[in-house]
Amino acid sequence: MDSTRVDRWLWAVRLTKTRADAAEACRGGHVRVNDTPAKPATPVKPGDTVRTRVYEIPRIVEVTKVIEKRVGAPVAVTCYVDHTPPPPPPEERPAPVAVRDRGAGRPTKRDRRMIDALRPGAPGEDPSGGG
C-alpha cells in the first residue's frame, strides 16, 4: 500500500478522534496536503506534508508511513514526523475575555471581582503575588 485517503490516515494516526471529524475538517478547508486544499479522498503517501487545524490545534506533520487501520498511540507516532512549532509562551497569548450570558443583567459584586481578576494589573490584584 503506497497511498491512502487523507481522512482515513488522519484518523488512523490519531490526529482526529473520528474519521467523520477528519472528513469534516477536510470539507471545511482545514486540511492541506503539500500546500493544496484537501478533500477527504485526497491521497497521501510517504513524504507528503499535511497541515491541519483540528479541534483548534494547528498541526504540521510529514507522512512517513501510510496506514489505514487505527493503531495504538505508540505505533501511530511512528507514522509521521511532527513539524508543528511550539505554542507561544503564556505572556504572548491573548488575555482571556470575560463572557457573560445575554440578558444576565448587571454583574453582581462577586461577578465584578472575577472580571477584575482577569485583567492584568487590576487594582484588586497584589503585584507581589503574595496573599
N, C-alpha and C. Protein backbone atom coordinates (compact mmCIF):
# COMPACT_ATOMS: atom_id res chain seq x y z
N MET A 1 0.86 -1.17 0.00
CA MET A 1 0.00 0.00 0.00
C MET A 1 0.91 1.24 0.00
N ASP A 2 0.76 2.06 -1.06
CA ASP A 2 1.63 3.23 -1.17
C ASP A 2 0.91 4.54 -0.92
N SER A 3 -0.45 4.52 -0.89
CA SER A 3 -1.18 5.74 -0.57
C SER A 3 -2.54 5.36 0.01
N THR A 4 -3.16 6.34 0.69
CA THR A 4 -4.49 6.16 1.25
C THR A 4 -5.18 7.52 1.32
N ARG A 5 -6.46 7.52 1.63
CA ARG A 5 -7.23 8.76 1.75
C ARG A 5 -6.72 9.55 2.96
N VAL A 6 -6.71 10.87 2.84
CA VAL A 6 -6.21 11.71 3.92
C VAL A 6 -7.12 11.63 5.15
N ASP A 7 -8.44 11.53 4.96
CA ASP A 7 -9.31 11.45 6.13
C ASP A 7 -9.07 10.15 6.90
N ARG A 8 -8.87 9.06 6.19
CA ARG A 8 -8.60 7.77 6.84
C ARG A 8 -7.25 7.81 7.56
N TRP A 9 -6.25 8.43 6.92
CA TRP A 9 -4.92 8.48 7.53
C TRP A 9 -4.92 9.35 8.79
N LEU A 10 -5.60 10.51 8.75
CA LEU A 10 -5.67 11.38 9.94
C LEU A 10 -6.30 10.65 11.12
N TRP A 11 -7.32 9.86 10.84
CA TRP A 11 -7.98 9.09 11.90
C TRP A 11 -7.08 7.95 12.37
N ALA A 12 -6.42 7.27 11.45
CA ALA A 12 -5.59 6.11 11.80
C ALA A 12 -4.40 6.51 12.67
N VAL A 13 -3.81 7.68 12.43
CA VAL A 13 -2.65 8.10 13.23
C VAL A 13 -3.06 8.96 14.42
N ARG A 14 -4.37 8.98 14.72
CA ARG A 14 -4.90 9.61 15.92
C ARG A 14 -4.75 11.13 15.97
N LEU A 15 -4.77 11.79 14.81
CA LEU A 15 -4.80 13.26 14.81
C LEU A 15 -6.24 13.75 14.96
N THR A 16 -7.22 12.88 14.65
CA THR A 16 -8.63 13.19 14.89
C THR A 16 -9.24 12.04 15.67
N LYS A 17 -10.30 12.34 16.40
CA LYS A 17 -10.93 11.31 17.22
C LYS A 17 -11.78 10.36 16.39
N THR A 18 -12.41 10.88 15.34
CA THR A 18 -13.24 10.04 14.47
C THR A 18 -12.90 10.33 13.02
N ARG A 19 -13.23 9.39 12.15
CA ARG A 19 -12.99 9.61 10.74
C ARG A 19 -13.94 10.69 10.22
N ALA A 20 -15.12 10.77 10.80
CA ALA A 20 -16.07 11.82 10.41
C ALA A 20 -15.50 13.20 10.72
N ASP A 21 -14.81 13.34 11.86
CA ASP A 21 -14.16 14.62 12.19
C ASP A 21 -13.10 14.97 11.15
N ALA A 22 -12.34 13.97 10.71
CA ALA A 22 -11.30 14.20 9.70
C ALA A 22 -11.93 14.64 8.38
N ALA A 23 -13.01 13.97 7.97
CA ALA A 23 -13.67 14.33 6.72
C ALA A 23 -14.28 15.72 6.81
N GLU A 24 -14.85 16.05 7.96
CA GLU A 24 -15.44 17.38 8.15
C GLU A 24 -14.38 18.46 8.10
N ALA A 25 -13.21 18.21 8.68
CA ALA A 25 -12.12 19.17 8.64
C ALA A 25 -11.66 19.38 7.20
N CYS A 26 -11.62 18.31 6.42
CA CYS A 26 -11.24 18.44 5.00
C CYS A 26 -12.26 19.27 4.25
N ARG A 27 -13.53 18.96 4.43
CA ARG A 27 -14.58 19.71 3.74
C ARG A 27 -14.61 21.17 4.17
N GLY A 28 -14.22 21.45 5.41
CA GLY A 28 -14.22 22.82 5.91
C GLY A 28 -12.98 23.60 5.52
N GLY A 29 -12.04 22.98 4.81
CA GLY A 29 -10.85 23.68 4.36
C GLY A 29 -9.76 23.76 5.41
N HIS A 30 -9.80 22.88 6.42
CA HIS A 30 -8.81 22.92 7.49
C HIS A 30 -7.68 21.93 7.29
N VAL A 31 -7.64 21.24 6.15
CA VAL A 31 -6.58 20.27 5.87
C VAL A 31 -5.97 20.60 4.52
N ARG A 32 -4.64 20.64 4.50
CA ARG A 32 -3.90 20.88 3.26
C ARG A 32 -2.85 19.79 3.11
N VAL A 33 -2.73 19.24 1.91
CA VAL A 33 -1.71 18.25 1.61
C VAL A 33 -0.77 18.90 0.60
N ASN A 34 0.50 19.02 0.98
CA ASN A 34 1.51 19.69 0.14
C ASN A 34 1.04 21.08 -0.29
N ASP A 35 0.47 21.82 0.67
CA ASP A 35 0.02 23.20 0.49
C ASP A 35 -1.11 23.37 -0.52
N THR A 36 -1.88 22.31 -0.78
CA THR A 36 -3.08 22.44 -1.59
C THR A 36 -4.26 21.96 -0.76
N PRO A 37 -5.40 22.66 -0.83
CA PRO A 37 -6.56 22.22 -0.04
C PRO A 37 -6.93 20.78 -0.37
N ALA A 38 -7.26 20.03 0.68
CA ALA A 38 -7.52 18.60 0.50
C ALA A 38 -8.98 18.26 0.73
N LYS A 39 -9.51 17.41 -0.14
CA LYS A 39 -10.82 16.81 0.06
C LYS A 39 -10.60 15.53 0.86
N PRO A 40 -11.65 14.96 1.43
CA PRO A 40 -11.46 13.73 2.22
C PRO A 40 -10.79 12.60 1.44
N ALA A 41 -11.01 12.52 0.13
CA ALA A 41 -10.45 11.43 -0.66
C ALA A 41 -9.07 11.74 -1.25
N THR A 42 -8.48 12.87 -0.90
CA THR A 42 -7.15 13.21 -1.41
C THR A 42 -6.15 12.16 -0.94
N PRO A 43 -5.36 11.59 -1.86
CA PRO A 43 -4.41 10.56 -1.44
C PRO A 43 -3.19 11.17 -0.75
N VAL A 44 -2.67 10.48 0.25
CA VAL A 44 -1.42 10.85 0.90
C VAL A 44 -0.47 9.67 0.76
N LYS A 45 0.82 9.98 0.62
CA LYS A 45 1.84 8.96 0.51
C LYS A 45 3.05 9.40 1.31
N PRO A 46 3.98 8.51 1.61
CA PRO A 46 5.16 8.90 2.38
C PRO A 46 5.87 10.08 1.72
N GLY A 47 6.26 11.04 2.55
CA GLY A 47 6.94 12.23 2.06
C GLY A 47 6.03 13.44 1.94
N ASP A 48 4.70 13.23 1.95
CA ASP A 48 3.76 14.34 1.87
C ASP A 48 3.73 15.13 3.18
N THR A 49 3.46 16.42 3.08
CA THR A 49 3.29 17.27 4.25
C THR A 49 1.81 17.56 4.42
N VAL A 50 1.29 17.29 5.61
CA VAL A 50 -0.12 17.51 5.90
C VAL A 50 -0.23 18.61 6.95
N ARG A 51 -0.93 19.69 6.59
CA ARG A 51 -1.21 20.78 7.53
C ARG A 51 -2.67 20.68 7.90
N THR A 52 -2.94 20.66 9.19
CA THR A 52 -4.32 20.52 9.63
C THR A 52 -4.59 21.41 10.82
N ARG A 53 -5.83 21.82 10.94
CA ARG A 53 -6.28 22.58 12.10
C ARG A 53 -7.56 21.88 12.58
N VAL A 54 -7.38 20.96 13.51
CA VAL A 54 -8.48 20.17 14.03
C VAL A 54 -8.56 20.43 15.53
N TYR A 55 -9.78 20.61 16.04
CA TYR A 55 -10.01 20.92 17.45
C TYR A 55 -9.24 22.17 17.88
N GLU A 56 -9.17 23.15 16.96
CA GLU A 56 -8.50 24.44 17.21
C GLU A 56 -7.00 24.30 17.45
N ILE A 57 -6.41 23.18 17.05
CA ILE A 57 -4.97 22.96 17.24
C ILE A 57 -4.33 22.83 15.86
N PRO A 58 -3.46 23.77 15.48
CA PRO A 58 -2.79 23.63 14.18
C PRO A 58 -1.66 22.61 14.28
N ARG A 59 -1.56 21.73 13.30
CA ARG A 59 -0.52 20.70 13.27
C ARG A 59 0.10 20.68 11.88
N ILE A 60 1.40 20.46 11.82
CA ILE A 60 2.12 20.27 10.56
C ILE A 60 2.88 18.96 10.71
N VAL A 61 2.52 17.97 9.92
CA VAL A 61 3.15 16.66 10.02
C VAL A 61 3.59 16.19 8.64
N GLU A 62 4.65 15.39 8.63
CA GLU A 62 5.14 14.77 7.41
C GLU A 62 4.85 13.28 7.48
N VAL A 63 4.23 12.76 6.45
CA VAL A 63 3.85 11.35 6.40
C VAL A 63 5.11 10.51 6.21
N THR A 64 5.33 9.54 7.11
CA THR A 64 6.45 8.61 6.94
C THR A 64 5.98 7.20 6.64
N LYS A 65 4.76 6.88 7.05
CA LYS A 65 4.22 5.54 6.82
C LYS A 65 2.72 5.68 6.60
N VAL A 66 2.20 4.97 5.62
CA VAL A 66 0.78 5.02 5.32
C VAL A 66 0.10 3.83 5.99
N ILE A 67 -0.92 4.13 6.80
CA ILE A 67 -1.72 3.08 7.43
C ILE A 67 -3.19 3.42 7.22
N GLU A 68 -4.03 2.40 7.22
CA GLU A 68 -5.46 2.61 7.03
C GLU A 68 -6.26 2.21 8.26
N LYS A 69 -5.72 1.36 9.08
CA LYS A 69 -6.41 0.91 10.28
C LYS A 69 -5.88 1.69 11.48
N ARG A 70 -6.77 2.02 12.40
CA ARG A 70 -6.38 2.77 13.60
C ARG A 70 -5.52 1.88 14.48
N VAL A 71 -4.42 2.43 14.97
CA VAL A 71 -3.48 1.69 15.79
C VAL A 71 -3.29 2.41 17.11
N GLY A 72 -2.58 1.79 18.02
CA GLY A 72 -2.29 2.40 19.32
C GLY A 72 -1.42 3.63 19.17
N ALA A 73 -1.46 4.49 20.17
CA ALA A 73 -0.72 5.75 20.14
C ALA A 73 0.79 5.55 19.94
N PRO A 74 1.43 4.58 20.64
CA PRO A 74 2.87 4.42 20.42
C PRO A 74 3.22 4.06 18.98
N VAL A 75 2.38 3.30 18.32
CA VAL A 75 2.62 2.94 16.92
C VAL A 75 2.27 4.11 16.00
N ALA A 76 1.21 4.83 16.34
CA ALA A 76 0.74 5.93 15.49
C ALA A 76 1.80 7.02 15.34
N VAL A 77 2.52 7.34 16.39
CA VAL A 77 3.51 8.43 16.30
C VAL A 77 4.69 8.06 15.42
N THR A 78 4.87 6.78 15.11
CA THR A 78 5.95 6.39 14.21
C THR A 78 5.57 6.57 12.75
N CYS A 79 4.31 6.91 12.48
CA CYS A 79 3.83 7.04 11.10
C CYS A 79 3.96 8.47 10.57
N TYR A 80 4.40 9.39 11.40
CA TYR A 80 4.58 10.77 10.94
C TYR A 80 5.68 11.45 11.74
N VAL A 81 6.20 12.54 11.17
CA VAL A 81 7.18 13.39 11.85
C VAL A 81 6.48 14.71 12.10
N ASP A 82 6.42 15.13 13.35
CA ASP A 82 5.70 16.34 13.72
C ASP A 82 6.61 17.55 13.55
N HIS A 83 6.22 18.46 12.67
CA HIS A 83 6.97 19.71 12.43
C HIS A 83 6.22 20.91 12.99
N THR A 84 5.26 20.68 13.88
CA THR A 84 4.45 21.75 14.45
C THR A 84 5.34 22.64 15.33
N PRO A 85 5.31 23.97 15.14
CA PRO A 85 6.09 24.84 16.02
C PRO A 85 5.50 24.82 17.42
N PRO A 86 6.34 25.03 18.44
CA PRO A 86 5.81 25.03 19.81
C PRO A 86 4.85 26.20 20.02
N PRO A 87 3.89 26.04 20.94
CA PRO A 87 2.95 27.13 21.20
C PRO A 87 3.68 28.33 21.79
N PRO A 88 3.14 29.54 21.61
CA PRO A 88 3.80 30.73 22.15
C PRO A 88 3.81 30.69 23.68
N PRO A 89 4.80 31.34 24.29
CA PRO A 89 4.83 31.39 25.75
C PRO A 89 3.58 32.08 26.29
N PRO A 90 3.23 31.81 27.55
CA PRO A 90 1.99 32.36 28.12
C PRO A 90 1.90 33.88 28.04
N GLU A 91 3.02 34.60 28.15
CA GLU A 91 2.94 36.06 28.16
C GLU A 91 2.58 36.61 26.78
N GLU A 92 2.74 35.82 25.69
CA GLU A 92 2.39 36.29 24.36
C GLU A 92 0.97 35.91 23.97
N ARG A 93 0.33 35.05 24.73
CA ARG A 93 -1.04 34.64 24.43
C ARG A 93 -1.99 35.78 24.79
N PRO A 94 -3.08 35.91 24.05
CA PRO A 94 -4.04 36.97 24.38
C PRO A 94 -4.70 36.70 25.73
N ALA A 95 -5.05 37.77 26.41
CA ALA A 95 -5.69 37.66 27.72
C ALA A 95 -7.09 37.07 27.56
N PRO A 96 -7.55 36.29 28.53
CA PRO A 96 -8.91 35.75 28.43
C PRO A 96 -9.95 36.87 28.47
N VAL A 97 -11.03 36.65 27.80
CA VAL A 97 -12.10 37.64 27.72
C VAL A 97 -13.25 37.19 28.60
N ALA A 98 -13.76 38.11 29.41
CA ALA A 98 -14.91 37.79 30.26
C ALA A 98 -16.15 37.69 29.39
N VAL A 99 -16.85 36.57 29.48
CA VAL A 99 -18.05 36.35 28.68
C VAL A 99 -19.23 36.19 29.63
N ARG A 100 -20.28 36.96 29.36
CA ARG A 100 -21.49 36.87 30.17
C ARG A 100 -22.64 36.45 29.28
N ASP A 101 -23.57 35.73 29.85
CA ASP A 101 -24.75 35.32 29.10
C ASP A 101 -25.58 36.54 28.74
N ARG A 102 -26.16 36.49 27.57
CA ARG A 102 -27.00 37.59 27.11
C ARG A 102 -28.23 37.67 28.02
N GLY A 103 -28.54 38.88 28.46
CA GLY A 103 -29.71 39.10 29.31
C GLY A 103 -29.46 38.76 30.77
N ALA A 104 -28.19 38.62 31.16
CA ALA A 104 -27.87 38.25 32.54
C ALA A 104 -27.99 39.43 33.49
N GLY A 105 -28.17 40.63 32.95
CA GLY A 105 -28.29 41.80 33.81
C GLY A 105 -26.94 42.32 34.24
N ARG A 106 -26.96 43.22 35.21
CA ARG A 106 -25.71 43.80 35.69
C ARG A 106 -24.93 42.77 36.49
N PRO A 107 -23.60 42.86 36.44
CA PRO A 107 -22.81 41.90 37.22
C PRO A 107 -22.96 42.16 38.72
N THR A 108 -22.97 41.09 39.48
CA THR A 108 -23.02 41.22 40.93
C THR A 108 -21.63 41.60 41.43
N LYS A 109 -21.51 41.87 42.71
CA LYS A 109 -20.22 42.21 43.28
C LYS A 109 -19.23 41.06 43.08
N ARG A 110 -19.70 39.84 43.24
CA ARG A 110 -18.85 38.66 43.05
C ARG A 110 -18.42 38.54 41.59
N ASP A 111 -19.37 38.76 40.66
CA ASP A 111 -19.04 38.72 39.23
C ASP A 111 -17.99 39.78 38.90
N ARG A 112 -18.17 40.97 39.46
CA ARG A 112 -17.25 42.07 39.20
C ARG A 112 -15.83 41.73 39.66
N ARG A 113 -15.71 41.10 40.82
CA ARG A 113 -14.39 40.70 41.32
C ARG A 113 -13.74 39.67 40.40
N MET A 114 -14.55 38.73 39.89
CA MET A 114 -13.99 37.72 38.98
C MET A 114 -13.56 38.36 37.66
N ILE A 115 -14.31 39.35 37.17
CA ILE A 115 -13.94 40.05 35.94
C ILE A 115 -12.65 40.83 36.17
N ASP A 116 -12.55 41.51 37.29
CA ASP A 116 -11.35 42.28 37.60
C ASP A 116 -10.12 41.39 37.74
N ALA A 117 -10.31 40.19 38.25
CA ALA A 117 -9.18 39.27 38.43
C ALA A 117 -8.59 38.84 37.09
N LEU A 118 -9.38 38.90 36.01
CA LEU A 118 -8.88 38.53 34.69
C LEU A 118 -7.99 39.60 34.08
N ARG A 119 -8.15 40.83 34.51
CA ARG A 119 -7.38 41.93 33.95
C ARG A 119 -5.98 41.98 34.57
N PRO A 120 -4.95 42.06 33.73
CA PRO A 120 -3.59 42.19 34.30
C PRO A 120 -3.43 43.58 34.90
N GLY A 121 -2.84 43.64 36.08
CA GLY A 121 -2.62 44.91 36.77
C GLY A 121 -3.87 45.53 37.32
N ALA A 122 -4.89 44.70 37.58
CA ALA A 122 -6.14 45.22 38.13
C ALA A 122 -5.90 45.77 39.53
N PRO A 123 -6.70 46.77 39.97
CA PRO A 123 -6.48 47.40 41.27
C PRO A 123 -6.55 46.43 42.43
N GLY A 124 -7.40 45.43 42.37
CA GLY A 124 -7.52 44.49 43.48
C GLY A 124 -6.46 43.40 43.48
N GLU A 125 -5.60 43.41 42.49
CA GLU A 125 -4.59 42.36 42.35
C GLU A 125 -3.32 42.77 43.06
N ASP A 126 -2.70 41.88 43.80
CA ASP A 126 -1.47 42.16 44.52
C ASP A 126 -0.29 41.92 43.58
N PRO A 127 0.47 42.96 43.21
CA PRO A 127 1.56 42.78 42.24
C PRO A 127 2.68 41.88 42.73
N SER A 128 2.84 41.77 44.08
CA SER A 128 3.92 40.92 44.60
C SER A 128 3.55 39.45 44.54
N GLY A 129 2.28 39.13 44.31
CA GLY A 129 1.85 37.76 44.22
C GLY A 129 1.57 37.13 45.57
N GLY A 130 1.76 37.89 46.65
CA GLY A 130 1.52 37.37 47.99
C GLY A 130 0.06 37.50 48.38
N GLY A 131 -0.31 36.91 49.50
CA GLY A 131 -1.71 36.92 49.89
C GLY A 131 -1.95 37.85 50.95
